[in-house]
Amino acid sequence: MADENYQGQERRVSFRLTFPPDRSPRIKINGMAYAVIDMAENGIRFYNPLRQRMPDGPLQAQVMFQDGEQLIVVAQILRYEPLMITVSLIEGIPMQRMLAEQILIQKTSST
């Protein structure tokens, strides 16, 4: 959740889900699938171990969840990090899907 008192550069406007490796969705861009590290309604960070370059400008991607649901998102590269990429979502993840993922993560971590 956002911290209303914090005004710094890393301030979050929505909550972020961090995925255990065995529950990680995949994001597919230009035919290649990447493991998602964490996700918010308006952004995704994913592994890029081969340091693939991404298209400039807005790109369409497919997010594939563990339960089989797939969503099309429109993203813009926000940041390249060593072995990771962060994208900002222009058309993002619905709040209902984020809540469903949070419940699945909690169930997985409590078993």
PDB file of N, CA and C in Angstrom:
ATOM      1  N   MET A   1       0.832  -1.175   0.000  1.00  0.00           N
ATOM      2  CA  MET A   1       0.000   0.000   0.000  1.00  0.00           C
ATOM      3  C   MET A   1       0.880   1.243   0.000  1.00  0.00           C
ATOM      4  N   ALA A   2       0.346   2.318  -0.531  1.00  0.00           N
ATOM      5  CA  ALA A   2       1.091   3.565  -0.594  1.00  0.00           C
ATOM      6  C   ALA A   2       1.233   4.150   0.797  1.00  0.00           C
ATOM      7  N   ASP A   3       2.386   4.762   1.036  1.00  0.00           N
ATOM      8  CA  ASP A   3       2.649   5.453   2.293  1.00  0.00           C
ATOM      9  C   ASP A   3       2.434   6.938   2.039  1.00  0.00           C
ATOM     10  N   GLU A   4       1.334   7.502   2.563  1.00  0.00           N
ATOM     11  CA  GLU A   4       1.005   8.895   2.284  1.00  0.00           C
ATOM     12  C   GLU A   4       2.039   9.870   2.827  1.00  0.00           C
ATOM     13  N   ASN A   5       2.824   9.474   3.823  1.00  0.00           N
ATOM     14  CA  ASN A   5       3.814  10.373   4.413  1.00  0.00           C
ATOM     15  C   ASN A   5       5.094  10.440   3.617  1.00  0.00           C
ATOM     16  N   TYR A   6       5.393   9.449   2.810  1.00  0.00           N
ATOM     17  CA  TYR A   6       6.640   9.399   2.048  1.00  0.00           C
ATOM     18  C   TYR A   6       6.458  10.090   0.703  1.00  0.00           C
ATOM     19  N   GLN A   7       7.331  11.036   0.381  1.00  0.00           N
ATOM     20  CA  GLN A   7       7.205  11.800  -0.861  1.00  0.00           C
ATOM     21  C   GLN A   7       8.371  11.552  -1.813  1.00  0.00           C
ATOM     22  N   GLY A   8       9.256  10.595  -1.525  1.00  0.00           N
ATOM     23  CA  GLY A   8      10.459  10.349  -2.320  1.00  0.00           C
ATOM     24  C   GLY A   8      10.190   9.710  -3.664  1.00  0.00           C
ATOM     25  N   GLN A   9      11.261   9.535  -4.431  1.00  0.00           N
ATOM     26  CA  GLN A   9      11.201   9.008  -5.783  1.00  0.00           C
ATOM     27  C   GLN A   9      10.608   7.606  -5.845  1.00  0.00           C
ATOM     28  N   GLU A  10      10.822   6.787  -4.828  1.00  0.00           N
ATOM     29  CA  GLU A  10      10.364   5.395  -4.839  1.00  0.00           C
ATOM     30  C   GLU A  10       8.968   5.216  -4.246  1.00  0.00           C
ATOM     31  N   ARG A  11       8.212   6.303  -4.082  1.00  0.00           N
ATOM     32  CA  ARG A  11       6.871   6.209  -3.527  1.00  0.00           C
ATOM     33  C   ARG A  11       5.976   5.358  -4.424  1.00  0.00           C
ATOM     34  N   ARG A  12       5.264   4.450  -3.845  1.00  0.00           N
ATOM     35  CA  ARG A  12       4.370   3.547  -4.574  1.00  0.00           C
ATOM     36  C   ARG A  12       2.950   4.099  -4.542  1.00  0.00           C
ATOM     37  N   VAL A  13       2.240   3.969  -5.657  1.00  0.00           N
ATOM     38  CA  VAL A  13       0.845   4.397  -5.698  1.00  0.00           C
ATOM     39  C   VAL A  13      -0.095   3.203  -5.623  1.00  0.00           C
ATOM     40  N   SER A  14       0.436   2.004  -5.666  1.00  0.00           N
ATOM     41  CA  SER A  14      -0.374   0.804  -5.521  1.00  0.00           C
ATOM     42  C   SER A  14       0.474  -0.272  -4.849  1.00  0.00           C
ATOM     43  N   PHE A  15      -0.181  -1.308  -4.348  1.00  0.00           N
ATOM     44  CA  PHE A  15       0.580  -2.350  -3.675  1.00  0.00           C
ATOM     45  C   PHE A  15       1.234  -3.280  -4.689  1.00  0.00           C
ATOM     46  N   ARG A  16       2.331  -3.891  -4.281  1.00  0.00           N
ATOM     47  CA  ARG A  16       3.135  -4.745  -5.149  1.00  0.00           C
ATOM     48  C   ARG A  16       3.127  -6.161  -4.585  1.00  0.00           C
ATOM     49  N   LEU A  17       2.925  -7.136  -5.482  1.00  0.00           N
ATOM     50  CA  LEU A  17       2.990  -8.549  -5.108  1.00  0.00           C
ATOM     51  C   LEU A  17       4.338  -9.107  -5.520  1.00  0.00           C
ATOM     52  N   THR A  18       5.022  -9.748  -4.592  1.00  0.00           N
ATOM     53  CA  THR A  18       6.274 -10.445  -4.900  1.00  0.00           C
ATOM     54  C   THR A  18       5.964 -11.929  -4.943  1.00  0.00           C
ATOM     55  N   PHE A  19       6.408 -12.579  -6.017  1.00  0.00           N
ATOM     56  CA  PHE A  19       6.050 -13.972  -6.243  1.00  0.00           C
ATOM     57  C   PHE A  19       7.144 -14.939  -5.827  1.00  0.00           C
ATOM     58  N   PRO A  20       6.768 -16.040  -5.153  1.00  0.00           N
ATOM     59  CA  PRO A  20       7.731 -17.117  -4.949  1.00  0.00           C
ATOM     60  C   PRO A  20       8.039 -17.740  -6.315  1.00  0.00           C
ATOM     61  N   PRO A  21       9.240 -18.241  -6.519  1.00  0.00           N
ATOM     62  CA  PRO A  21       9.616 -18.760  -7.838  1.00  0.00           C
ATOM     63  C   PRO A  21       8.647 -19.795  -8.413  1.00  0.00           C
ATOM     64  N   ASP A  22       8.056 -20.627  -7.566  1.00  0.00           N
ATOM     65  CA  ASP A  22       7.154 -21.660  -8.079  1.00  0.00           C
ATOM     66  C   ASP A  22       5.743 -21.144  -8.379  1.00  0.00           C
ATOM     67  N   ARG A  23       5.437 -19.902  -8.047  1.00  0.00           N
ATOM     68  CA  ARG A  23       4.116 -19.302  -8.314  1.00  0.00           C
ATOM     69  C   ARG A  23       4.210 -18.127  -9.285  1.00  0.00           C
ATOM     70  N   SER A  24       5.363 -17.926  -9.860  1.00  0.00           N
ATOM     71  CA  SER A  24       5.612 -16.759 -10.691  1.00  0.00           C
ATOM     72  C   SER A  24       4.869 -16.811 -12.020  1.00  0.00           C
ATOM     73  N   PRO A  25       4.097 -15.751 -12.321  1.00  0.00           N
ATOM     74  CA  PRO A  25       3.532 -15.667 -13.668  1.00  0.00           C
ATOM     75  C   PRO A  25       4.662 -15.467 -14.682  1.00  0.00           C
ATOM     76  N   ARG A  26       4.336 -15.540 -15.945  1.00  0.00           N
ATOM     77  CA  ARG A  26       5.293 -15.271 -17.023  1.00  0.00           C
ATOM     78  C   ARG A  26       4.770 -14.089 -17.824  1.00  0.00           C
ATOM     79  N   ILE A  27       5.691 -13.294 -18.329  1.00  0.00           N
ATOM     80  CA  ILE A  27       5.327 -12.230 -19.247  1.00  0.00           C
ATOM     81  C   ILE A  27       5.980 -12.559 -20.580  1.00  0.00           C
ATOM     82  N   LYS A  28       5.176 -12.566 -21.620  1.00  0.00           N
ATOM     83  CA  LYS A  28       5.658 -12.948 -22.944  1.00  0.00           C
ATOM     84  C   LYS A  28       5.732 -11.699 -23.829  1.00  0.00           C
ATOM     85  N   ILE A  29       6.943 -11.448 -24.341  1.00  0.00           N
ATOM     86  CA  ILE A  29       7.198 -10.295 -25.193  1.00  0.00           C
ATOM     87  C   ILE A  29       7.936 -10.790 -26.427  1.00  0.00           C
ATOM     88  N   ASN A  30       7.406 -10.477 -27.595  1.00  0.00           N
ATOM     89  CA  ASN A  30       8.026 -10.899 -28.862  1.00  0.00           C
ATOM     90  C   ASN A  30       8.350 -12.387 -28.891  1.00  0.00           C
ATOM     91  N   GLY A  31       7.444 -13.206 -28.385  1.00  0.00           N
ATOM     92  CA  GLY A  31       7.607 -14.651 -28.437  1.00  0.00           C
ATOM     93  C   GLY A  31       8.476 -15.259 -27.359  1.00  0.00           C
ATOM     94  N   MET A  32       9.082 -14.436 -26.495  1.00  0.00           N
ATOM     95  CA  MET A  32       9.921 -14.961 -25.404  1.00  0.00           C
ATOM     96  C   MET A  32       9.216 -14.745 -24.073  1.00  0.00           C
ATOM     97  N   ALA A  33       9.218 -15.773 -23.220  1.00  0.00           N
ATOM     98  CA  ALA A  33       8.580 -15.700 -21.905  1.00  0.00           C
ATOM     99  C   ALA A  33       9.635 -15.444 -20.834  1.00  0.00           C
ATOM    100  N   TYR A  34       9.303 -14.563 -19.898  1.00  0.00           N
ATOM    101  CA  TYR A  34      10.195 -14.193 -18.804  1.00  0.00           C
ATOM    102  C   TYR A  34       9.458 -14.376 -17.484  1.00  0.00           C
ATOM    103  N   ALA A  35      10.176 -14.796 -16.439  1.00  0.00           N
ATOM    104  CA  ALA A  35       9.580 -14.992 -15.115  1.00  0.00           C
ATOM    105  C   ALA A  35       9.380 -13.639 -14.428  1.00  0.00           C
ATOM    106  N   VAL A  36       8.182 -13.433 -13.908  1.00  0.00           N
ATOM    107  CA  VAL A  36       7.849 -12.201 -13.204  1.00  0.00           C
ATOM    108  C   VAL A  36       8.408 -12.271 -11.780  1.00  0.00           C
ATOM    109  N   ILE A  37       9.061 -11.191 -11.365  1.00  0.00           N
ATOM    110  CA  ILE A  37       9.582 -11.078  -9.996  1.00  0.00           C
ATOM    111  C   ILE A  37       8.506 -10.502  -9.095  1.00  0.00           C
ATOM    112  N   ASP A  38       7.983  -9.350  -9.502  1.00  0.00           N
ATOM    113  CA  ASP A  38       6.895  -8.729  -8.762  1.00  0.00           C
ATOM    114  C   ASP A  38       6.026  -7.933  -9.714  1.00  0.00           C
ATOM    115  N   MET A  39       4.847  -7.587  -9.211  1.00  0.00           N
ATOM    116  CA  MET A  39       3.844  -6.984 -10.076  1.00  0.00           C
ATOM    117  C   MET A  39       2.963  -6.053  -9.256  1.00  0.00           C
ATOM    118  N   ALA A  40       2.590  -4.950  -9.867  1.00  0.00           N
ATOM    119  CA  ALA A  40       1.575  -4.049  -9.335  1.00  0.00           C
ATOM    120  C   ALA A  40       0.558  -3.834 -10.448  1.00  0.00           C
ATOM    121  N   GLU A  41      -0.523  -3.163 -10.141  1.00  0.00           N
ATOM    122  CA  GLU A  41      -1.527  -2.902 -11.170  1.00  0.00           C
ATOM    123  C   GLU A  41      -0.923  -2.119 -12.335  1.00  0.00           C
ATOM    124  N   ASN A  42       0.062  -1.309 -12.035  1.00  0.00           N
ATOM    125  CA  ASN A  42       0.611  -0.417 -13.046  1.00  0.00           C
ATOM    126  C   ASN A  42       2.065  -0.695 -13.418  1.00  0.00           C
ATOM    127  N   GLY A  43       2.597  -1.848 -13.047  1.00  0.00           N
ATOM    128  CA  GLY A  43       3.977  -2.160 -13.396  1.00  0.00           C
ATOM    129  C   GLY A  43       4.350  -3.607 -13.114  1.00  0.00           C
ATOM    130  N   ILE A  44       5.371  -4.077 -13.847  1.00  0.00           N
ATOM    131  CA  ILE A  44       5.874  -5.443 -13.684  1.00  0.00           C
ATOM    132  C   ILE A  44       7.395  -5.398 -13.741  1.00  0.00           C
ATOM    133  N   ARG A  45       8.020  -6.158 -12.856  1.00  0.00           N
ATOM    134  CA  ARG A  45       9.470  -6.357 -12.926  1.00  0.00           C
ATOM    135  C   ARG A  45       9.698  -7.834 -13.193  1.00  0.00           C
ATOM    136  N   PHE A  46      10.563  -8.128 -14.178  1.00  0.00           N
ATOM    137  CA  PHE A  46      10.780  -9.517 -14.556  1.00  0.00           C
ATOM    138  C   PHE A  46      12.250  -9.778 -14.837  1.00  0.00           C
ATOM    139  N   TYR A  47      12.614 -11.079 -14.713  1.00  0.00           N
ATOM    140  CA  TYR A  47      13.983 -11.505 -14.979  1.00  0.00           C
ATOM    141  C   TYR A  47      14.274 -11.433 -16.470  1.00  0.00           C
ATOM    142  N   ASN A  48      15.505 -11.028 -16.782  1.00  0.00           N
ATOM    143  CA  ASN A  48      15.988 -10.986 -18.161  1.00  0.00           C
ATOM    144  C   ASN A  48      17.416 -11.526 -18.156  1.00  0.00           C
ATOM    145  N   PRO A  49      17.582 -12.828 -17.861  1.00  0.00           N
ATOM    146  CA  PRO A  49      18.931 -13.375 -17.664  1.00  0.00           C
ATOM    147  C   PRO A  49      19.817 -13.316 -18.908  1.00  0.00           C
ATOM    148  N   LEU A  50      19.213 -13.281 -20.091  1.00  0.00           N
ATOM    149  CA  LEU A  50      20.007 -13.211 -21.320  1.00  0.00           C
ATOM    150  C   LEU A  50      20.201 -11.768 -21.794  1.00  0.00           C
ATOM    151  N   ARG A  51      19.713 -10.833 -21.002  1.00  0.00           N
ATOM    152  CA  ARG A  51      19.861  -9.392 -21.291  1.00  0.00           C
ATOM    153  C   ARG A  51      19.328  -9.016 -22.670  1.00  0.00           C
ATOM    154  N   GLN A  52      18.165  -9.556 -22.985  1.00  0.00           N
ATOM    155  CA  GLN A  52      17.500  -9.244 -24.247  1.00  0.00           C
ATOM    156  C   GLN A  52      17.093  -7.777 -24.265  1.00  0.00           C
ATOM    157  N   ARG A  53      17.269  -7.128 -25.402  1.00  0.00           N
ATOM    158  CA  ARG A  53      16.788  -5.762 -25.568  1.00  0.00           C
ATOM    159  C   ARG A  53      15.298  -5.828 -25.890  1.00  0.00           C
ATOM    160  N   MET A  54      14.579  -4.855 -25.421  1.00  0.00           N
ATOM    161  CA  MET A  54      13.142  -4.778 -25.652  1.00  0.00           C
ATOM    162  C   MET A  54      12.866  -3.690 -26.688  1.00  0.00           C
ATOM    163  N   PRO A  55      11.711  -3.769 -27.328  1.00  0.00           N
ATOM    164  CA  PRO A  55      11.351  -2.752 -28.323  1.00  0.00           C
ATOM    165  C   PRO A  55      11.248  -1.364 -27.686  1.00  0.00           C
ATOM    166  N   ASP A  56      11.610  -0.348 -28.451  1.00  0.00           N
ATOM    167  CA  ASP A  56      11.402   1.030 -28.001  1.00  0.00           C
ATOM    168  C   ASP A  56       9.925   1.368 -28.136  1.00  0.00           C
ATOM    169  N   GLY A  57       9.474   2.290 -27.351  1.00  0.00           N
ATOM    170  CA  GLY A  57       8.083   2.714 -27.431  1.00  0.00           C
ATOM    171  C   GLY A  57       7.168   1.712 -26.765  1.00  0.00           C
ATOM    172  N   PRO A  58       5.880   1.984 -26.774  1.00  0.00           N
ATOM    173  CA  PRO A  58       4.924   1.063 -26.151  1.00  0.00           C
ATOM    174  C   PRO A  58       4.982  -0.315 -26.820  1.00  0.00           C
ATOM    175  N   LEU A  59       4.839  -1.345 -26.004  1.00  0.00           N
ATOM    176  CA  LEU A  59       4.848  -2.709 -26.518  1.00  0.00           C
ATOM    177  C   LEU A  59       3.692  -3.479 -25.924  1.00  0.00           C
ATOM    178  N   GLN A  60       3.238  -4.467 -26.674  1.00  0.00           N
ATOM    179  CA  GLN A  60       2.170  -5.331 -26.191  1.00  0.00           C
ATOM    180  C   GLN A  60       2.808  -6.597 -25.632  1.00  0.00           C
ATOM    181  N   ALA A  61       2.318  -7.029 -24.483  1.00  0.00           N
ATOM    182  CA  ALA A  61       2.839  -8.234 -23.841  1.00  0.00           C
ATOM    183  C   ALA A  61       1.661  -9.062 -23.346  1.00  0.00           C
ATOM    184  N   GLN A  62       1.948 -10.334 -23.105  1.00  0.00           N
ATOM    185  CA  GLN A  62       0.940 -11.251 -22.585  1.00  0.00           C
ATOM    186  C   GLN A  62       1.419 -11.727 -21.220  1.00  0.00           C
ATOM    187  N   VAL A  63       0.579 -11.563 -20.203  1.00  0.00           N
ATOM    188  CA  VAL A  63       0.895 -12.054 -18.867  1.00  0.00           C
ATOM    189  C   VAL A  63       0.151 -13.368 -18.688  1.00  0.00           C
ATOM    190  N   MET A  64       0.907 -14.421 -18.357  1.00  0.00           N
ATOM    191  CA  MET A  64       0.342 -15.764 -18.210  1.00  0.00           C
ATOM    192  C   MET A  64       0.445 -16.172 -16.742  1.00  0.00           C
ATOM    193  N   PHE A  65      -0.694 -16.336 -16.105  1.00  0.00           N
ATOM    194  CA  PHE A  65      -0.744 -16.681 -14.692  1.00  0.00           C
ATOM    195  C   PHE A  65      -0.732 -18.190 -14.511  1.00  0.00           C
ATOM    196  N   GLN A  66      -0.380 -18.629 -13.310  1.00  0.00           N
ATOM    197  CA  GLN A  66      -0.262 -20.057 -12.994  1.00  0.00           C
ATOM    198  C   GLN A  66      -1.584 -20.802 -13.148  1.00  0.00           C
ATOM    199  N   ASP A  67      -2.693 -20.113 -12.959  1.00  0.00           N
ATOM    200  CA  ASP A  67      -3.995 -20.786 -13.067  1.00  0.00           C
ATOM    201  C   ASP A  67      -4.505 -20.856 -14.500  1.00  0.00           C
ATOM    202  N   GLY A  68      -3.703 -20.395 -15.465  1.00  0.00           N
ATOM    203  CA  GLY A  68      -4.075 -20.473 -16.865  1.00  0.00           C
ATOM    204  C   GLY A  68      -4.640 -19.191 -17.448  1.00  0.00           C
ATOM    205  N   GLU A  69      -5.039 -18.247 -16.612  1.00  0.00           N
ATOM    206  CA  GLU A  69      -5.553 -16.979 -17.149  1.00  0.00           C
ATOM    207  C   GLU A  69      -4.427 -16.219 -17.842  1.00  0.00           C
ATOM    208  N   GLN A  70      -4.772 -15.579 -18.937  1.00  0.00           N
ATOM    209  CA  GLN A  70      -3.809 -14.785 -19.694  1.00  0.00           C
ATOM    210  C   GLN A  70      -4.409 -13.408 -19.952  1.00  0.00           C
ATOM    211  N   LEU A  71      -3.586 -12.380 -19.759  1.00  0.00           N
ATOM    212  CA  LEU A  71      -4.021 -11.009 -19.981  1.00  0.00           C
ATOM    213  C   LEU A  71      -3.072 -10.333 -20.962  1.00  0.00           C
ATOM    214  N   ILE A  72      -3.626  -9.515 -21.832  1.00  0.00           N
ATOM    215  CA  ILE A  72      -2.808  -8.695 -22.714  1.00  0.00           C
ATOM    216  C   ILE A  72      -2.629  -7.342 -22.030  1.00  0.00           C
ATOM    217  N   VAL A  73      -1.388  -6.875 -21.959  1.00  0.00           N
ATOM    218  CA  VAL A  73      -1.087  -5.574 -21.372  1.00  0.00           C
ATOM    219  C   VAL A  73      -0.302  -4.747 -22.389  1.00  0.00           C
ATOM    220  N   VAL A  74      -0.369  -3.442 -22.234  1.00  0.00           N
ATOM    221  CA  VAL A  74       0.443  -2.524 -23.023  1.00  0.00           C
ATOM    222  C   VAL A  74       1.423  -1.885 -22.054  1.00  0.00           C
ATOM    223  N   ALA A  75       2.708  -1.978 -22.387  1.00  0.00           N
ATOM    224  CA  ALA A  75       3.755  -1.572 -21.451  1.00  0.00           C
ATOM    225  C   ALA A  75       4.763  -0.643 -22.121  1.00  0.00           C
ATOM    226  N   GLN A  76       5.495   0.064 -21.274  1.00  0.00           N
ATOM    227  CA  GLN A  76       6.604   0.917 -21.690  1.00  0.00           C
ATOM    228  C   GLN A  76       7.787   0.565 -20.800  1.00  0.00           C
ATOM    229  N   ILE A  77       8.968   0.346 -21.411  1.00  0.00           N
ATOM    230  CA  ILE A  77      10.153   0.044 -20.610  1.00  0.00           C
ATOM    231  C   ILE A  77      10.435   1.233 -19.704  1.00  0.00           C
ATOM    232  N   LEU A  78      10.551   0.964 -18.433  1.00  0.00           N
ATOM    233  CA  LEU A  78      10.835   2.002 -17.452  1.00  0.00           C
ATOM    234  C   LEU A  78      12.302   1.974 -17.059  1.00  0.00           C
ATOM    235  N   ARG A  79      12.842   0.738 -16.869  1.00  0.00           N
ATOM    236  CA  ARG A  79      14.215   0.643 -16.364  1.00  0.00           C
ATOM    237  C   ARG A  79      14.828  -0.707 -16.716  1.00  0.00           C
ATOM    238  N   TYR A  80      16.065  -0.658 -17.187  1.00  0.00           N
ATOM    239  CA  TYR A  80      16.877  -1.865 -17.354  1.00  0.00           C
ATOM    240  C   TYR A  80      17.776  -1.959 -16.133  1.00  0.00           C
ATOM    241  N   GLU A  81      17.804  -3.097 -15.482  1.00  0.00           N
ATOM    242  CA  GLU A  81      18.690  -3.362 -14.355  1.00  0.00           C
ATOM    243  C   GLU A  81      19.503  -4.596 -14.725  1.00  0.00           C
ATOM    244  N   PRO A  82      20.598  -4.858 -14.022  1.00  0.00           N
ATOM    245  CA  PRO A  82      21.318  -6.106 -14.325  1.00  0.00           C
ATOM    246  C   PRO A  82      20.369  -7.295 -14.164  1.00  0.00           C
ATOM    247  N   LEU A  83      20.146  -8.004 -15.236  1.00  0.00           N
ATOM    248  CA  LEU A  83      19.345  -9.221 -15.290  1.00  0.00           C
ATOM    249  C   LEU A  83      17.846  -9.030 -15.050  1.00  0.00           C
ATOM    250  N   MET A  84      17.381  -7.772 -14.977  1.00  0.00           N
ATOM    251  CA  MET A  84      15.958  -7.497 -14.745  1.00  0.00           C
ATOM    252  C   MET A  84      15.518  -6.320 -15.595  1.00  0.00           C
ATOM    253  N   ILE A  85      14.227  -6.288 -15.883  1.00  0.00           N
ATOM    254  CA  ILE A  85      13.611  -5.165 -16.584  1.00  0.00           C
ATOM    255  C   ILE A  85      12.350  -4.776 -15.833  1.00  0.00           C
ATOM    256  N   THR A  86      12.110  -3.478 -15.738  1.00  0.00           N
ATOM    257  CA  THR A  86      10.884  -2.964 -15.146  1.00  0.00           C
ATOM    258  C   THR A  86      10.096  -2.256 -16.227  1.00  0.00           C
ATOM    259  N   VAL A  87       8.816  -2.599 -16.324  1.00  0.00           N
ATOM    260  CA  VAL A  87       7.944  -1.931 -17.284  1.00  0.00           C
ATOM    261  C   VAL A  87       6.813  -1.239 -16.540  1.00  0.00           C
ATOM    262  N   SER A  88       6.423  -0.113 -17.080  1.00  0.00           N
ATOM    263  CA  SER A  88       5.245   0.602 -16.611  1.00  0.00           C
ATOM    264  C   SER A  88       4.098   0.166 -17.509  1.00  0.00           C
ATOM    265  N   LEU A  89       2.954  -0.120 -16.910  1.00  0.00           N
ATOM    266  CA  LEU A  89       1.812  -0.604 -17.691  1.00  0.00           C
ATOM    267  C   LEU A  89       0.888   0.547 -18.062  1.00  0.00           C
ATOM    268  N   ILE A  90       0.683   0.703 -19.356  1.00  0.00           N
ATOM    269  CA  ILE A  90      -0.247   1.698 -19.872  1.00  0.00           C
ATOM    270  C   ILE A  90      -1.665   1.140 -19.745  1.00  0.00           C
ATOM    271  N   GLU A  91      -1.827  -0.110 -20.124  1.00  0.00           N
ATOM    272  CA  GLU A  91      -3.055  -0.857 -19.872  1.00  0.00           C
ATOM    273  C   GLU A  91      -2.648  -1.983 -18.943  1.00  0.00           C
ATOM    274  N   GLY A  92      -3.086  -1.901 -17.698  1.00  0.00           N
ATOM    275  CA  GLY A  92      -2.518  -2.759 -16.685  1.00  0.00           C
ATOM    276  C   GLY A  92      -3.358  -3.920 -16.223  1.00  0.00           C
ATOM    277  N   ILE A  93      -2.998  -4.402 -15.046  1.00  0.00           N
ATOM    278  CA  ILE A  93      -3.614  -5.576 -14.424  1.00  0.00           C
ATOM    279  C   ILE A  93      -4.822  -5.119 -13.591  1.00  0.00           C
ATOM    280  N   PRO A  94      -5.992  -5.694 -13.808  1.00  0.00           N
ATOM    281  CA  PRO A  94      -7.169  -5.314 -13.010  1.00  0.00           C
ATOM    282  C   PRO A  94      -6.971  -5.639 -11.525  1.00  0.00           C
ATOM    283  N   MET A  95      -7.525  -4.798 -10.682  1.00  0.00           N
ATOM    284  CA  MET A  95      -7.419  -4.975  -9.230  1.00  0.00           C
ATOM    285  C   MET A  95      -7.949  -6.342  -8.801  1.00  0.00           C
ATOM    286  N   GLN A  96      -9.017  -6.835  -9.425  1.00  0.00           N
ATOM    287  CA  GLN A  96      -9.569  -8.141  -9.056  1.00  0.00           C
ATOM    288  C   GLN A  96      -8.529  -9.241  -9.269  1.00  0.00           C
ATOM    289  N   ARG A  97      -7.761  -9.141 -10.357  1.00  0.00           N
ATOM    290  CA  ARG A  97      -6.731 -10.157 -10.633  1.00  0.00           C
ATOM    291  C   ARG A  97      -5.610 -10.054  -9.608  1.00  0.00           C
ATOM    292  N   MET A  98      -5.242  -8.834  -9.246  1.00  0.00           N
ATOM    293  CA  MET A  98      -4.196  -8.644  -8.237  1.00  0.00           C
ATOM    294  C   MET A  98      -4.623  -9.255  -6.899  1.00  0.00           C
ATOM    295  N   LEU A  99      -5.863  -9.050  -6.524  1.00  0.00           N
ATOM    296  CA  LEU A  99      -6.358  -9.620  -5.265  1.00  0.00           C
ATOM    297  C   LEU A  99      -6.386 -11.141  -5.329  1.00  0.00           C
ATOM    298  N   ALA A 100      -6.790 -11.702  -6.464  1.00  0.00           N
ATOM    299  CA  ALA A 100      -6.796 -13.157  -6.622  1.00  0.00           C
ATOM    300  C   ALA A 100      -5.383 -13.719  -6.506  1.00  0.00           C
ATOM    301  N   GLU A 101      -4.407 -13.037  -7.098  1.00  0.00           N
ATOM    302  CA  GLU A 101      -3.014 -13.483  -6.994  1.00  0.00           C
ATOM    303  C   GLU A 101      -2.516 -13.404  -5.558  1.00  0.00           C
ATOM    304  N   GLN A 102      -2.892 -12.362  -4.848  1.00  0.00           N
ATOM    305  CA  GLN A 102      -2.486 -12.221  -3.451  1.00  0.00           C
ATOM    306  C   GLN A 102      -3.018 -13.387  -2.622  1.00  0.00           C
ATOM    307  N   ILE A 103      -4.260 -13.771  -2.849  1.00  0.00           N
ATOM    308  CA  ILE A 103      -4.847 -14.903  -2.122  1.00  0.00           C
ATOM    309  C   ILE A 103      -4.101 -16.192  -2.460  1.00  0.00           C
ATOM    310  N   LEU A 104      -3.793 -16.420  -3.729  1.00  0.00           N
ATOM    311  CA  LEU A 104      -3.062 -17.624  -4.134  1.00  0.00           C
ATOM    312  C   LEU A 104      -1.676 -17.667  -3.496  1.00  0.00           C
ATOM    313  N   ILE A 105      -0.999 -16.543  -3.454  1.00  0.00           N
ATOM    314  CA  ILE A 105       0.335 -16.484  -2.832  1.00  0.00           C
ATOM    315  C   ILE A 105       0.237 -16.817  -1.350  1.00  0.00           C
ATOM    316  N   GLN A 106      -0.753 -16.246  -0.677  1.00  0.00           N
ATOM    317  CA  GLN A 106      -0.924 -16.501   0.754  1.00  0.00           C
ATOM    318  C   GLN A 106      -1.227 -17.967   1.021  1.00  0.00           C
ATOM    319  N   LYS A 107      -2.066 -18.581   0.191  1.00  0.00           N
ATOM    320  CA  LYS A 107      -2.385 -20.001   0.357  1.00  0.00           C
ATOM    321  C   LYS A 107      -1.132 -20.858   0.161  1.00  0.00           C
ATOM    322  N   THR A 108      -0.339 -20.533  -0.841  1.00  0.00           N
ATOM    323  CA  THR A 108       0.876 -21.292  -1.148  1.00  0.00           C
ATOM    324  C   THR A 108       1.892 -21.170  -0.015  1.00  0.00           C
ATOM    325  N   SER A 109       2.039 -19.963   0.551  1.00  0.00           N
ATOM    326  CA  SER A 109       3.054 -19.769   1.590  1.00  0.00           C
ATOM    327  C   SER A 109       2.612 -20.332   2.939  1.00  0.00           C
ATOM    328  N   SER A 110       1.316 -20.560   3.121  1.00  0.00           N
ATOM    329  CA  SER A 110       0.853 -21.104   4.413  1.00  0.00           C
ATOM    330  C   SER A 110       0.802 -22.633   4.429  1.00  0.00           C
ATOM    331  N   THR A 111       1.065 -23.268   3.289  1.00  0.00           N
ATOM    332  CA  THR A 111       1.020 -24.737   3.258  1.00  0.00           C
ATOM    333  C   THR A 111       2.388 -25.339   3.424  1.00  0.00           C
TER     334      THR A 111
END
